Amino acid sequence: MPLRQCEWVVYAKRPFAGPEQVLAYLSRYTHRVAISNSRLVAFDDRGVTFRWKDYREHGHTRYKTMSLATEEFMRRFLLHVLPSGFHRIRPLRLARQRQPQARYRHRSRSSASAAANASR
């Protein structure tokens, strides 16, 4: 059975700031393109050159350029195009999960160092 024909059950809590704030927040993520025009560097007979960010690197080496044949560029671009009726929404939950864990690690290190200093 296609996903469009399945019955979906959605669990959602009441928003703190109201539905207008939720709509304003989500609208920033549902209407983006896969690559913005500002990242396109060149297009010629050899292909397409564009800027990209390597998240494994830090500093000025993080920003790189890549050249691809036009067919390969279009193939990769079209991987991000959803069928009609679907909307892409950024997975917010995954981005938010890291923050509390980082705070917890910071507190546990602070507590451990305070306990070590107190025992001296």
PDB file of N, CA and C in Angstrom:
ATOM      1  N   MET A   1       0.850  -1.174   0.000  1.00  0.00           N
ATOM      2  CA  MET A   1       0.000   0.000   0.000  1.00  0.00           C
ATOM      3  C   MET A   1       0.901   1.246   0.000  1.00  0.00           C
ATOM      4  N   PRO A   2       0.666   2.200  -0.902  1.00  0.00           N
ATOM      5  CA  PRO A   2       1.474   3.423  -0.934  1.00  0.00           C
ATOM      6  C   PRO A   2       1.309   4.227   0.359  1.00  0.00           C
ATOM      7  N   LEU A   3       2.368   4.939   0.740  1.00  0.00           N
ATOM      8  CA  LEU A   3       2.345   5.714   1.979  1.00  0.00           C
ATOM      9  C   LEU A   3       1.234   6.747   2.008  1.00  0.00           C
ATOM     10  N   ARG A   4       0.893   7.287   0.852  1.00  0.00           N
ATOM     11  CA  ARG A   4      -0.167   8.302   0.809  1.00  0.00           C
ATOM     12  C   ARG A   4      -1.525   7.734   1.207  1.00  0.00           C
ATOM     13  N   GLN A   5      -1.714   6.430   1.027  1.00  0.00           N
ATOM     14  CA  GLN A   5      -3.007   5.827   1.317  1.00  0.00           C
ATOM     15  C   GLN A   5      -3.077   5.216   2.711  1.00  0.00           C
ATOM     16  N   CYS A   6      -1.957   5.173   3.427  1.00  0.00           N
ATOM     17  CA  CYS A   6      -1.945   4.644   4.793  1.00  0.00           C
ATOM     18  C   CYS A   6      -2.560   5.658   5.748  1.00  0.00           C
ATOM     19  N   GLU A   7      -3.164   5.136   6.818  1.00  0.00           N
ATOM     20  CA  GLU A   7      -3.681   6.027   7.851  1.00  0.00           C
ATOM     21  C   GLU A   7      -2.534   6.359   8.801  1.00  0.00           C
ATOM     22  N   TRP A   8      -2.302   7.637   9.030  1.00  0.00           N
ATOM     23  CA  TRP A   8      -1.200   8.105   9.868  1.00  0.00           C
ATOM     24  C   TRP A   8      -1.748   8.585  11.202  1.00  0.00           C
ATOM     25  N   VAL A   9      -1.016   8.303  12.263  1.00  0.00           N
ATOM     26  CA  VAL A   9      -1.362   8.787  13.595  1.00  0.00           C
ATOM     27  C   VAL A   9      -0.226   9.707  14.032  1.00  0.00           C
ATOM     28  N   VAL A  10      -0.567  10.941  14.332  1.00  0.00           N
ATOM     29  CA  VAL A  10       0.451  11.933  14.694  1.00  0.00           C
ATOM     30  C   VAL A  10       0.263  12.322  16.152  1.00  0.00           C
ATOM     31  N   TYR A  11       1.362  12.273  16.927  1.00  0.00           N
ATOM     32  CA  TYR A  11       1.336  12.720  18.313  1.00  0.00           C
ATOM     33  C   TYR A  11       2.016  14.080  18.376  1.00  0.00           C
ATOM     34  N   ALA A  12       1.302  15.079  18.837  1.00  0.00           N
ATOM     35  CA  ALA A  12       1.879  16.421  18.923  1.00  0.00           C
ATOM     36  C   ALA A  12       1.395  17.086  20.201  1.00  0.00           C
ATOM     37  N   LYS A  13       2.339  17.683  20.938  1.00  0.00           N
ATOM     38  CA  LYS A  13       1.983  18.406  22.161  1.00  0.00           C
ATOM     39  C   LYS A  13       1.534  19.816  21.806  1.00  0.00           C
ATOM     40  N   ARG A  14       0.799  20.436  22.694  1.00  0.00           N
ATOM     41  CA  ARG A  14       0.347  21.815  22.512  1.00  0.00           C
ATOM     42  C   ARG A  14       1.580  22.723  22.499  1.00  0.00           C
ATOM     43  N   PRO A  15       1.711  23.619  21.500  1.00  0.00           N
ATOM     44  CA  PRO A  15       2.890  24.504  21.437  1.00  0.00           C
ATOM     45  C   PRO A  15       2.869  25.540  22.558  1.00  0.00           C
ATOM     46  N   PHE A  16       4.050  25.839  23.110  1.00  0.00           N
ATOM     47  CA  PHE A  16       4.166  26.807  24.200  1.00  0.00           C
ATOM     48  C   PHE A  16       3.796  28.219  23.748  1.00  0.00           C
ATOM     49  N   ALA A  17       4.311  28.635  22.602  1.00  0.00           N
ATOM     50  CA  ALA A  17       4.136  30.022  22.163  1.00  0.00           C
ATOM     51  C   ALA A  17       2.915  30.202  21.263  1.00  0.00           C
ATOM     52  N   GLY A  18       2.187  29.155  20.994  1.00  0.00           N
ATOM     53  CA  GLY A  18       1.006  29.268  20.152  1.00  0.00           C
ATOM     54  C   GLY A  18       1.256  28.775  18.743  1.00  0.00           C
ATOM     55  N   PRO A  19       0.195  28.491  18.015  1.00  0.00           N
ATOM     56  CA  PRO A  19       0.329  27.925  16.669  1.00  0.00           C
ATOM     57  C   PRO A  19       0.999  28.864  15.673  1.00  0.00           C
ATOM     58  N   GLU A  20       0.876  30.182  15.867  1.00  0.00           N
ATOM     59  CA  GLU A  20       1.504  31.120  14.928  1.00  0.00           C
ATOM     60  C   GLU A  20       3.025  30.997  14.967  1.00  0.00           C
ATOM     61  N   GLN A  21       3.579  30.823  16.161  1.00  0.00           N
ATOM     62  CA  GLN A  21       5.027  30.677  16.295  1.00  0.00           C
ATOM     63  C   GLN A  21       5.512  29.372  15.670  1.00  0.00           C
ATOM     64  N   VAL A  22       4.743  28.304  15.845  1.00  0.00           N
ATOM     65  CA  VAL A  22       5.120  27.013  15.259  1.00  0.00           C
ATOM     66  C   VAL A  22       5.107  27.110  13.738  1.00  0.00           C
ATOM     67  N   LEU A  23       4.079  27.719  13.186  1.00  0.00           N
ATOM     68  CA  LEU A  23       3.985  27.879  11.738  1.00  0.00           C
ATOM     69  C   LEU A  23       5.141  28.729  11.203  1.00  0.00           C
ATOM     70  N   ALA A  24       5.467  29.813  11.895  1.00  0.00           N
ATOM     71  CA  ALA A  24       6.585  30.666  11.466  1.00  0.00           C
ATOM     72  C   ALA A  24       7.895  29.894  11.499  1.00  0.00           C
ATOM     73  N   TYR A  25       8.095  29.067  12.527  1.00  0.00           N
ATOM     74  CA  TYR A  25       9.332  28.292  12.661  1.00  0.00           C
ATOM     75  C   TYR A  25       9.439  27.236  11.559  1.00  0.00           C
ATOM     76  N   LEU A  26       8.378  26.458  11.363  1.00  0.00           N
ATOM     77  CA  LEU A  26       8.428  25.379  10.374  1.00  0.00           C
ATOM     78  C   LEU A  26       8.500  25.898   8.947  1.00  0.00           C
ATOM     79  N   SER A  27       7.925  27.070   8.685  1.00  0.00           N
ATOM     80  CA  SER A  27       7.932  27.590   7.315  1.00  0.00           C
ATOM     81  C   SER A  27       9.340  27.911   6.834  1.00  0.00           C
ATOM     82  N   ARG A  28      10.271  28.127   7.755  1.00  0.00           N
ATOM     83  CA  ARG A  28      11.652  28.389   7.339  1.00  0.00           C
ATOM     84  C   ARG A  28      12.313  27.134   6.775  1.00  0.00           C
ATOM     85  N   TYR A  29      11.779  25.942   7.067  1.00  0.00           N
ATOM     86  CA  TYR A  29      12.411  24.697   6.663  1.00  0.00           C
ATOM     87  C   TYR A  29      11.667  23.938   5.576  1.00  0.00           C
ATOM     88  N   THR A  30      10.428  24.276   5.284  1.00  0.00           N
ATOM     89  CA  THR A  30       9.667  23.476   4.320  1.00  0.00           C
ATOM     90  C   THR A  30       9.772  23.982   2.890  1.00  0.00           C
ATOM     91  N   HIS A  31      10.273  25.180   2.666  1.00  0.00           N
ATOM     92  CA  HIS A  31      10.282  25.737   1.318  1.00  0.00           C
ATOM     93  C   HIS A  31      11.682  26.086   0.840  1.00  0.00           C
ATOM     94  N   ARG A  32      12.648  25.258   1.175  1.00  0.00           N
ATOM     95  CA  ARG A  32      14.019  25.492   0.726  1.00  0.00           C
ATOM     96  C   ARG A  32      14.343  24.582  -0.451  1.00  0.00           C
ATOM     97  N   VAL A  33      15.288  25.027  -1.260  1.00  0.00           N
ATOM     98  CA  VAL A  33      15.762  24.190  -2.360  1.00  0.00           C
ATOM     99  C   VAL A  33      16.986  23.416  -1.890  1.00  0.00           C
ATOM    100  N   ALA A  34      17.369  22.404  -2.651  1.00  0.00           N
ATOM    101  CA  ALA A  34      18.492  21.558  -2.260  1.00  0.00           C
ATOM    102  C   ALA A  34      19.813  22.323  -2.254  1.00  0.00           C
ATOM    103  N   ILE A  35      19.989  23.264  -3.174  1.00  0.00           N
ATOM    104  CA  ILE A  35      21.212  24.068  -3.223  1.00  0.00           C
ATOM    105  C   ILE A  35      20.823  25.478  -3.671  1.00  0.00           C
ATOM    106  N   SER A  36      21.312  26.464  -2.953  1.00  0.00           N
ATOM    107  CA  SER A  36      20.948  27.840  -3.289  1.00  0.00           C
ATOM    108  C   SER A  36      21.812  28.357  -4.438  1.00  0.00           C
ATOM    109  N   ASN A  37      21.318  29.362  -5.137  1.00  0.00           N
ATOM    110  CA  ASN A  37      22.050  29.942  -6.266  1.00  0.00           C
ATOM    111  C   ASN A  37      23.393  30.516  -5.833  1.00  0.00           C
ATOM    112  N   SER A  38      23.495  30.998  -4.603  1.00  0.00           N
ATOM    113  CA  SER A  38      24.750  31.604  -4.144  1.00  0.00           C
ATOM    114  C   SER A  38      25.871  30.579  -4.029  1.00  0.00           C
ATOM    115  N   ARG A  39      25.538  29.292  -3.929  1.00  0.00           N
ATOM    116  CA  ARG A  39      26.575  28.256  -3.841  1.00  0.00           C
ATOM    117  C   ARG A  39      27.048  27.771  -5.211  1.00  0.00           C
ATOM    118  N   LEU A  40      26.331  28.117  -6.272  1.00  0.00           N
ATOM    119  CA  LEU A  40      26.746  27.736  -7.623  1.00  0.00           C
ATOM    120  C   LEU A  40      27.858  28.667  -8.085  1.00  0.00           C
ATOM    121  N   VAL A  41      28.993  28.092  -8.452  1.00  0.00           N
ATOM    122  CA  VAL A  41      30.166  28.882  -8.833  1.00  0.00           C
ATOM    123  C   VAL A  41      30.266  29.026 -10.339  1.00  0.00           C
ATOM    124  N   ALA A  42      30.095  27.927 -11.072  1.00  0.00           N
ATOM    125  CA  ALA A  42      30.269  27.969 -12.529  1.00  0.00           C
ATOM    126  C   ALA A  42      29.453  26.863 -13.185  1.00  0.00           C
ATOM    127  N   PHE A  43      29.103  27.115 -14.436  1.00  0.00           N
ATOM    128  CA  PHE A  43      28.417  26.129 -15.261  1.00  0.00           C
ATOM    129  C   PHE A  43      28.942  26.297 -16.677  1.00  0.00           C
ATOM    130  N   ASP A  44      29.512  25.229 -17.230  1.00  0.00           N
ATOM    131  CA  ASP A  44      30.042  25.303 -18.589  1.00  0.00           C
ATOM    132  C   ASP A  44      29.908  23.927 -19.244  1.00  0.00           C
ATOM    133  N   ASP A  45      30.627  23.728 -20.358  1.00  0.00           N
ATOM    134  CA  ASP A  45      30.546  22.463 -21.090  1.00  0.00           C
ATOM    135  C   ASP A  45      31.039  21.280 -20.262  1.00  0.00           C
ATOM    136  N   ARG A  46      31.951  21.546 -19.331  1.00  0.00           N
ATOM    137  CA  ARG A  46      32.505  20.458 -18.512  1.00  0.00           C
ATOM    138  C   ARG A  46      31.576  20.035 -17.386  1.00  0.00           C
ATOM    139  N   GLY A  47      30.679  20.930 -16.929  1.00  0.00           N
ATOM    140  CA  GLY A  47      29.762  20.555 -15.850  1.00  0.00           C
ATOM    141  C   GLY A  47      29.437  21.720 -14.947  1.00  0.00           C
ATOM    142  N   VAL A  48      29.123  21.402 -13.703  1.00  0.00           N
ATOM    143  CA  VAL A  48      28.696  22.380 -12.713  1.00  0.00           C
ATOM    144  C   VAL A  48      29.711  22.392 -11.568  1.00  0.00           C
ATOM    145  N   THR A  49      30.109  23.586 -11.149  1.00  0.00           N
ATOM    146  CA  THR A  49      30.998  23.749  -9.998  1.00  0.00           C
ATOM    147  C   THR A  49      30.215  24.482  -8.918  1.00  0.00           C
ATOM    148  N   PHE A  50      30.307  23.964  -7.685  1.00  0.00           N
ATOM    149  CA  PHE A  50      29.555  24.564  -6.583  1.00  0.00           C
ATOM    150  C   PHE A  50      30.359  24.467  -5.293  1.00  0.00           C
ATOM    151  N   ARG A  51      30.001  25.322  -4.329  1.00  0.00           N
ATOM    152  CA  ARG A  51      30.635  25.306  -3.011  1.00  0.00           C
ATOM    153  C   ARG A  51      29.851  24.375  -2.096  1.00  0.00           C
ATOM    154  N   TRP A  52      30.595  23.701  -1.198  1.00  0.00           N
ATOM    155  CA  TRP A  52      29.965  22.840  -0.216  1.00  0.00           C
ATOM    156  C   TRP A  52      30.756  22.890   1.075  1.00  0.00           C
ATOM    157  N   LYS A  53      30.137  22.434   2.173  1.00  0.00           N
ATOM    158  CA  LYS A  53      30.760  22.488   3.485  1.00  0.00           C
ATOM    159  C   LYS A  53      31.074  21.070   3.956  1.00  0.00           C
ATOM    160  N   ASP A  54      32.341  20.820   4.281  1.00  0.00           N
ATOM    161  CA  ASP A  54      32.772  19.525   4.802  1.00  0.00           C
ATOM    162  C   ASP A  54      32.728  19.604   6.327  1.00  0.00           C
ATOM    163  N   TYR A  55      31.738  18.988   6.937  1.00  0.00           N
ATOM    164  CA  TYR A  55      31.546  19.087   8.380  1.00  0.00           C
ATOM    165  C   TYR A  55      32.606  18.335   9.176  1.00  0.00           C
ATOM    166  N   ARG A  56      33.416  17.511   8.519  1.00  0.00           N
ATOM    167  CA  ARG A  56      34.495  16.815   9.220  1.00  0.00           C
ATOM    168  C   ARG A  56      35.704  17.706   9.436  1.00  0.00           C
ATOM    169  N   GLU A  57      35.803  18.783   8.664  1.00  0.00           N
ATOM    170  CA  GLU A  57      36.928  19.715   8.750  1.00  0.00           C
ATOM    171  C   GLU A  57      36.561  20.908   9.621  1.00  0.00           C
ATOM    172  N   HIS A  58      37.583  21.627  10.085  1.00  0.00           N
ATOM    173  CA  HIS A  58      37.382  22.841  10.873  1.00  0.00           C
ATOM    174  C   HIS A  58      38.219  23.956  10.277  1.00  0.00           C
ATOM    175  N   GLY A  59      37.801  25.197  10.477  1.00  0.00           N
ATOM    176  CA  GLY A  59      38.551  26.348   9.973  1.00  0.00           C
ATOM    177  C   GLY A  59      38.284  26.611   8.510  1.00  0.00           C
ATOM    178  N   HIS A  60      39.270  27.244   7.852  1.00  0.00           N
ATOM    179  CA  HIS A  60      39.076  27.647   6.456  1.00  0.00           C
ATOM    180  C   HIS A  60      39.062  26.468   5.491  1.00  0.00           C
ATOM    181  N   THR A  61      39.532  25.288   5.906  1.00  0.00           N
ATOM    182  CA  THR A  61      39.508  24.111   5.023  1.00  0.00           C
ATOM    183  C   THR A  61      38.126  23.459   4.975  1.00  0.00           C
ATOM    184  N   ARG A  62      37.198  23.948   5.771  1.00  0.00           N
ATOM    185  CA  ARG A  62      35.855  23.376   5.818  1.00  0.00           C
ATOM    186  C   ARG A  62      35.073  23.650   4.536  1.00  0.00           C
ATOM    187  N   TYR A  63      35.302  24.795   3.911  1.00  0.00           N
ATOM    188  CA  TYR A  63      34.554  25.192   2.712  1.00  0.00           C
ATOM    189  C   TYR A  63      35.338  24.778   1.472  1.00  0.00           C
ATOM    190  N   LYS A  64      34.701  24.010   0.614  1.00  0.00           N
ATOM    191  CA  LYS A  64      35.376  23.442  -0.553  1.00  0.00           C
ATOM    192  C   LYS A  64      34.523  23.649  -1.795  1.00  0.00           C
ATOM    193  N   THR A  65      35.136  23.432  -2.956  1.00  0.00           N
ATOM    194  CA  THR A  65      34.377  23.451  -4.207  1.00  0.00           C
ATOM    195  C   THR A  65      34.446  22.076  -4.843  1.00  0.00           C
ATOM    196  N   MET A  66      33.408  21.754  -5.592  1.00  0.00           N
ATOM    197  CA  MET A  66      33.343  20.465  -6.273  1.00  0.00           C
ATOM    198  C   MET A  66      32.811  20.702  -7.679  1.00  0.00           C
ATOM    199  N   SER A  67      33.375  20.002  -8.633  1.00  0.00           N
ATOM    200  CA  SER A  67      32.898  20.054 -10.017  1.00  0.00           C
ATOM    201  C   SER A  67      32.360  18.686 -10.390  1.00  0.00           C
ATOM    202  N   LEU A  68      31.178  18.679 -10.966  1.00  0.00           N
ATOM    203  CA  LEU A  68      30.547  17.441 -11.408  1.00  0.00           C
ATOM    204  C   LEU A  68      30.058  17.599 -12.829  1.00  0.00           C
ATOM    205  N   ALA A  69      29.980  16.487 -13.533  1.00  0.00           N
ATOM    206  CA  ALA A  69      29.357  16.493 -14.855  1.00  0.00           C
ATOM    207  C   ALA A  69      27.899  16.914 -14.670  1.00  0.00           C
ATOM    208  N   THR A  70      27.339  17.572 -15.657  1.00  0.00           N
ATOM    209  CA  THR A  70      25.977  18.089 -15.541  1.00  0.00           C
ATOM    210  C   THR A  70      24.985  16.982 -15.202  1.00  0.00           C
ATOM    211  N   GLU A  71      25.117  15.823 -15.817  1.00  0.00           N
ATOM    212  CA  GLU A  71      24.193  14.718 -15.556  1.00  0.00           C
ATOM    213  C   GLU A  71      24.280  14.268 -14.107  1.00  0.00           C
ATOM    214  N   GLU A  72      25.496  14.161 -13.551  1.00  0.00           N
ATOM    215  CA  GLU A  72      25.675  13.736 -12.161  1.00  0.00           C
ATOM    216  C   GLU A  72      25.152  14.785 -11.197  1.00  0.00           C
ATOM    217  N   PHE A  73      25.382  16.066 -11.508  1.00  0.00           N
ATOM    218  CA  PHE A  73      24.860  17.138 -10.667  1.00  0.00           C
ATOM    219  C   PHE A  73      23.324  17.068 -10.614  1.00  0.00           C
ATOM    220  N   MET A  74      22.693  16.910 -11.768  1.00  0.00           N
ATOM    221  CA  MET A  74      21.239  16.830 -11.823  1.00  0.00           C
ATOM    222  C   MET A  74      20.716  15.583 -11.097  1.00  0.00           C
ATOM    223  N   ARG A  75      21.430  14.472 -11.232  1.00  0.00           N
ATOM    224  CA  ARG A  75      21.017  13.245 -10.535  1.00  0.00           C
ATOM    225  C   ARG A  75      21.015  13.480  -9.027  1.00  0.00           C
ATOM    226  N   ARG A  76      22.101  14.068  -8.509  1.00  0.00           N
ATOM    227  CA  ARG A  76      22.186  14.338  -7.070  1.00  0.00           C
ATOM    228  C   ARG A  76      21.156  15.370  -6.628  1.00  0.00           C
ATOM    229  N   PHE A  77      20.942  16.384  -7.436  1.00  0.00           N
ATOM    230  CA  PHE A  77      19.954  17.412  -7.098  1.00  0.00           C
ATOM    231  C   PHE A  77      18.558  16.812  -7.014  1.00  0.00           C
ATOM    232  N   LEU A  78      18.217  15.964  -7.979  1.00  0.00           N
ATOM    233  CA  LEU A  78      16.872  15.390  -8.028  1.00  0.00           C
ATOM    234  C   LEU A  78      16.609  14.387  -6.911  1.00  0.00           C
ATOM    235  N   LEU A  79      17.652  13.899  -6.244  1.00  0.00           N
ATOM    236  CA  LEU A  79      17.453  13.040  -5.076  1.00  0.00           C
ATOM    237  C   LEU A  79      16.741  13.797  -3.953  1.00  0.00           C
ATOM    238  N   HIS A  80      16.849  15.129  -3.954  1.00  0.00           N
ATOM    239  CA  HIS A  80      16.245  15.963  -2.917  1.00  0.00           C
ATOM    240  C   HIS A  80      14.846  16.450  -3.272  1.00  0.00           C
ATOM    241  N   VAL A  81      14.364  16.126  -4.453  1.00  0.00           N
ATOM    242  CA  VAL A  81      13.032  16.566  -4.876  1.00  0.00           C
ATOM    243  C   VAL A  81      12.024  15.516  -4.434  1.00  0.00           C
ATOM    244  N   LEU A  82      11.029  15.954  -3.670  1.00  0.00           N
ATOM    245  CA  LEU A  82      10.004  15.038  -3.172  1.00  0.00           C
ATOM    246  C   LEU A  82       8.838  14.964  -4.150  1.00  0.00           C
ATOM    247  N   PRO A  83       8.085  13.871  -4.117  1.00  0.00           N
ATOM    248  CA  PRO A  83       6.901  13.761  -4.973  1.00  0.00           C
ATOM    249  C   PRO A  83       5.883  14.843  -4.628  1.00  0.00           C
ATOM    250  N   SER A  84       5.018  15.136  -5.549  1.00  0.00           N
ATOM    251  CA  SER A  84       3.978  16.141  -5.346  1.00  0.00           C
ATOM    252  C   SER A  84       3.135  15.779  -4.125  1.00  0.00           C
ATOM    253  N   GLY A  85       2.865  16.777  -3.294  1.00  0.00           N
ATOM    254  CA  GLY A  85       2.053  16.551  -2.098  1.00  0.00           C
ATOM    255  C   GLY A  85       2.856  16.323  -0.844  1.00  0.00           C
ATOM    256  N   PHE A  86       4.162  16.049  -0.956  1.00  0.00           N
ATOM    257  CA  PHE A  86       5.012  15.844   0.210  1.00  0.00           C
ATOM    258  C   PHE A  86       5.771  17.129   0.521  1.00  0.00           C
ATOM    259  N   HIS A  87       6.098  17.344   1.784  1.00  0.00           N
ATOM    260  CA  HIS A  87       6.874  18.506   2.206  1.00  0.00           C
ATOM    261  C   HIS A  87       8.048  18.038   3.035  1.00  0.00           C
ATOM    262  N   ARG A  88       9.208  18.620   2.781  1.00  0.00           N
ATOM    263  CA  ARG A  88      10.406  18.284   3.554  1.00  0.00           C
ATOM    264  C   ARG A  88      10.440  19.150   4.810  1.00  0.00           C
ATOM    265  N   ILE A  89      10.613  18.502   5.942  1.00  0.00           N
ATOM    266  CA  ILE A  89      10.738  19.217   7.206  1.00  0.00           C
ATOM    267  C   ILE A  89      12.019  18.746   7.874  1.00  0.00           C
ATOM    268  N   ARG A  90      12.781  19.681   8.361  1.00  0.00           N
ATOM    269  CA  ARG A  90      14.051  19.375   9.027  1.00  0.00           C
ATOM    270  C   ARG A  90      13.788  18.524  10.264  1.00  0.00           C
ATOM    271  N   PRO A  91      14.606  17.469  10.479  1.00  0.00           N
ATOM    272  CA  PRO A  91      14.395  16.626  11.668  1.00  0.00           C
ATOM    273  C   PRO A  91      14.849  17.350  12.934  1.00  0.00           C
ATOM    274  N   LEU A  92      13.982  18.127  13.522  1.00  0.00           N
ATOM    275  CA  LEU A  92      14.314  18.979  14.658  1.00  0.00           C
ATOM    276  C   LEU A  92      14.660  18.165  15.894  1.00  0.00           C
ATOM    277  N   ARG A  93      14.012  17.049  16.083  1.00  0.00           N
ATOM    278  CA  ARG A  93      14.207  16.260  17.293  1.00  0.00           C
ATOM    279  C   ARG A  93      15.655  15.811  17.436  1.00  0.00           C
ATOM    280  N   LEU A  94      16.284  15.391  16.346  1.00  0.00           N
ATOM    281  CA  LEU A  94      17.667  14.929  16.413  1.00  0.00           C
ATOM    282  C   LEU A  94      18.619  16.062  16.787  1.00  0.00           C
ATOM    283  N   ALA A  95      18.362  17.245  16.285  1.00  0.00           N
ATOM    284  CA  ALA A  95      19.221  18.375  16.602  1.00  0.00           C
ATOM    285  C   ALA A  95      19.046  18.796  18.058  1.00  0.00           C
ATOM    286  N   ARG A  96      17.859  18.654  18.614  1.00  0.00           N
ATOM    287  CA  ARG A  96      17.580  19.091  19.973  1.00  0.00           C
ATOM    288  C   ARG A  96      18.052  18.073  21.008  1.00  0.00           C
ATOM    289  N   GLN A  97      18.228  16.814  20.653  1.00  0.00           N
ATOM    290  CA  GLN A  97      18.603  15.804  21.628  1.00  0.00           C
ATOM    291  C   GLN A  97      20.019  16.001  22.143  1.00  0.00           C
ATOM    292  N   ARG A  98      20.884  16.550  21.353  1.00  0.00           N
ATOM    293  CA  ARG A  98      22.286  16.685  21.756  1.00  0.00           C
ATOM    294  C   ARG A  98      22.455  17.684  22.893  1.00  0.00           C
ATOM    295  N   GLN A  99      21.673  18.721  22.899  1.00  0.00           N
ATOM    296  CA  GLN A  99      21.847  19.796  23.860  1.00  0.00           C
ATOM    297  C   GLN A  99      21.701  19.329  25.315  1.00  0.00           C
ATOM    298  N   PRO A 100      20.611  18.640  25.709  1.00  0.00           N
ATOM    299  CA  PRO A 100      20.503  18.223  27.101  1.00  0.00           C
ATOM    300  C   PRO A 100      21.610  17.258  27.514  1.00  0.00           C
ATOM    301  N   GLN A 101      22.039  16.380  26.613  1.00  0.00           N
ATOM    302  CA  GLN A 101      23.106  15.444  26.940  1.00  0.00           C
ATOM    303  C   GLN A 101      24.403  16.177  27.201  1.00  0.00           C
ATOM    304  N   ALA A 102      24.686  17.209  26.403  1.00  0.00           N
ATOM    305  CA  ALA A 102      25.910  17.984  26.600  1.00  0.00           C
ATOM    306  C   ALA A 102      25.860  18.688  27.952  1.00  0.00           C
ATOM    307  N   ARG A 103      24.704  19.242  28.319  1.00  0.00           N
ATOM    308  CA  ARG A 103      24.573  19.909  29.613  1.00  0.00           C
ATOM    309  C   ARG A 103      24.772  18.911  30.733  1.00  0.00           C
ATOM    310  N   TYR A 104      24.246  17.692  30.567  1.00  0.00           N
ATOM    311  CA  TYR A 104      24.377  16.667  31.594  1.00  0.00           C
ATOM    312  C   TYR A 104      25.838  16.281  31.765  1.00  0.00           C
ATOM    313  N   ARG A 105      26.562  16.095  30.655  1.00  0.00           N
ATOM    314  CA  ARG A 105      27.992  15.753  30.745  1.00  0.00           C
ATOM    315  C   ARG A 105      28.762  16.857  31.452  1.00  0.00           C
ATOM    316  N   HIS A 106      28.431  18.123  31.146  1.00  0.00           N
ATOM    317  CA  HIS A 106      29.114  19.239  31.774  1.00  0.00           C
ATOM    318  C   HIS A 106      28.867  19.227  33.277  1.00  0.00           C
ATOM    319  N   ARG A 107      27.628  18.990  33.689  1.00  0.00           N
ATOM    320  CA  ARG A 107      27.296  18.953  35.116  1.00  0.00           C
ATOM    321  C   ARG A 107      27.991  17.795  35.810  1.00  0.00           C
ATOM    322  N   SER A 108      28.018  16.630  35.164  1.00  0.00           N
ATOM    323  CA  SER A 108      28.630  15.471  35.810  1.00  0.00           C
ATOM    324  C   SER A 108      30.137  15.671  35.962  1.00  0.00           C
ATOM    325  N   ARG A 109      30.793  16.319  34.993  1.00  0.00           N
ATOM    326  CA  ARG A 109      32.215  16.605  35.133  1.00  0.00           C
ATOM    327  C   ARG A 109      32.447  17.609  36.256  1.00  0.00           C
ATOM    328  N   SER A 110      31.588  18.630  36.333  1.00  0.00           N
ATOM    329  CA  SER A 110      31.720  19.631  37.380  1.00  0.00           C
ATOM    330  C   SER A 110      31.518  18.996  38.742  1.00  0.00           C
ATOM    331  N   SER A 111      30.537  18.092  38.853  1.00  0.00           N
ATOM    332  CA  SER A 111      30.268  17.432  40.119  1.00  0.00           C
ATOM    333  C   SER A 111      31.422  16.520  40.509  1.00  0.00           C
ATOM    334  N   ALA A 112      31.990  15.828  39.521  1.00  0.00           N
ATOM    335  CA  ALA A 112      33.100  14.920  39.802  1.00  0.00           C
ATOM    336  C   ALA A 112      34.326  15.705  40.249  1.00  0.00           C
ATOM    337  N   SER A 113      34.621  16.831  39.600  1.00  0.00           N
ATOM    338  CA  SER A 113      35.791  17.617  39.998  1.00  0.00           C
ATOM    339  C   SER A 113      35.566  18.273  41.356  1.00  0.00           C
ATOM    340  N   ALA A 114      34.331  18.690  41.654  1.00  0.00           N
ATOM    341  CA  ALA A 114      34.028  19.279  42.955  1.00  0.00           C
ATOM    342  C   ALA A 114      34.167  18.244  44.053  1.00  0.00           C
ATOM    343  N   ALA A 115      33.721  17.028  43.790  1.00  0.00           N
ATOM    344  CA  ALA A 115      33.843  15.948  44.774  1.00  0.00           C
ATOM    345  C   ALA A 115      35.303  15.583  45.007  1.00  0.00           C
ATOM    346  N   ALA A 116      36.106  15.588  43.955  1.00  0.00           N
ATOM    347  CA  ALA A 116      37.536  15.267  44.086  1.00  0.00           C
ATOM    348  C   ALA A 116      38.245  16.341  44.905  1.00  0.00           C
ATOM    349  N   ASN A 117      37.904  17.603  44.680  1.00  0.00           N
ATOM    350  CA  ASN A 117      38.515  18.700  45.431  1.00  0.00           C
ATOM    351  C   ASN A 117      38.073  18.682  46.894  1.00  0.00           C
ATOM    352  N   ALA A 118      36.849  18.286  47.151  1.00  0.00           N
ATOM    353  CA  ALA A 118      36.330  18.256  48.513  1.00  0.00           C
ATOM    354  C   ALA A 118      36.984  17.146  49.332  1.00  0.00           C
ATOM    355  N   SER A 119      37.367  16.051  48.660  1.00  0.00           N
ATOM    356  CA  SER A 119      37.967  14.926  49.392  1.00  0.00           C
ATOM    357  C   SER A 119      39.422  15.172  49.728  1.00  0.00           C
ATOM    358  N   ARG A 120      40.016  16.206  49.156  1.00  0.00           N
ATOM    359  CA  ARG A 120      41.438  16.481  49.424  1.00  0.00           C
ATOM    360  C   ARG A 120      41.640  17.125  50.735  1.00  0.00           C
TER     361      ARG A 120
END
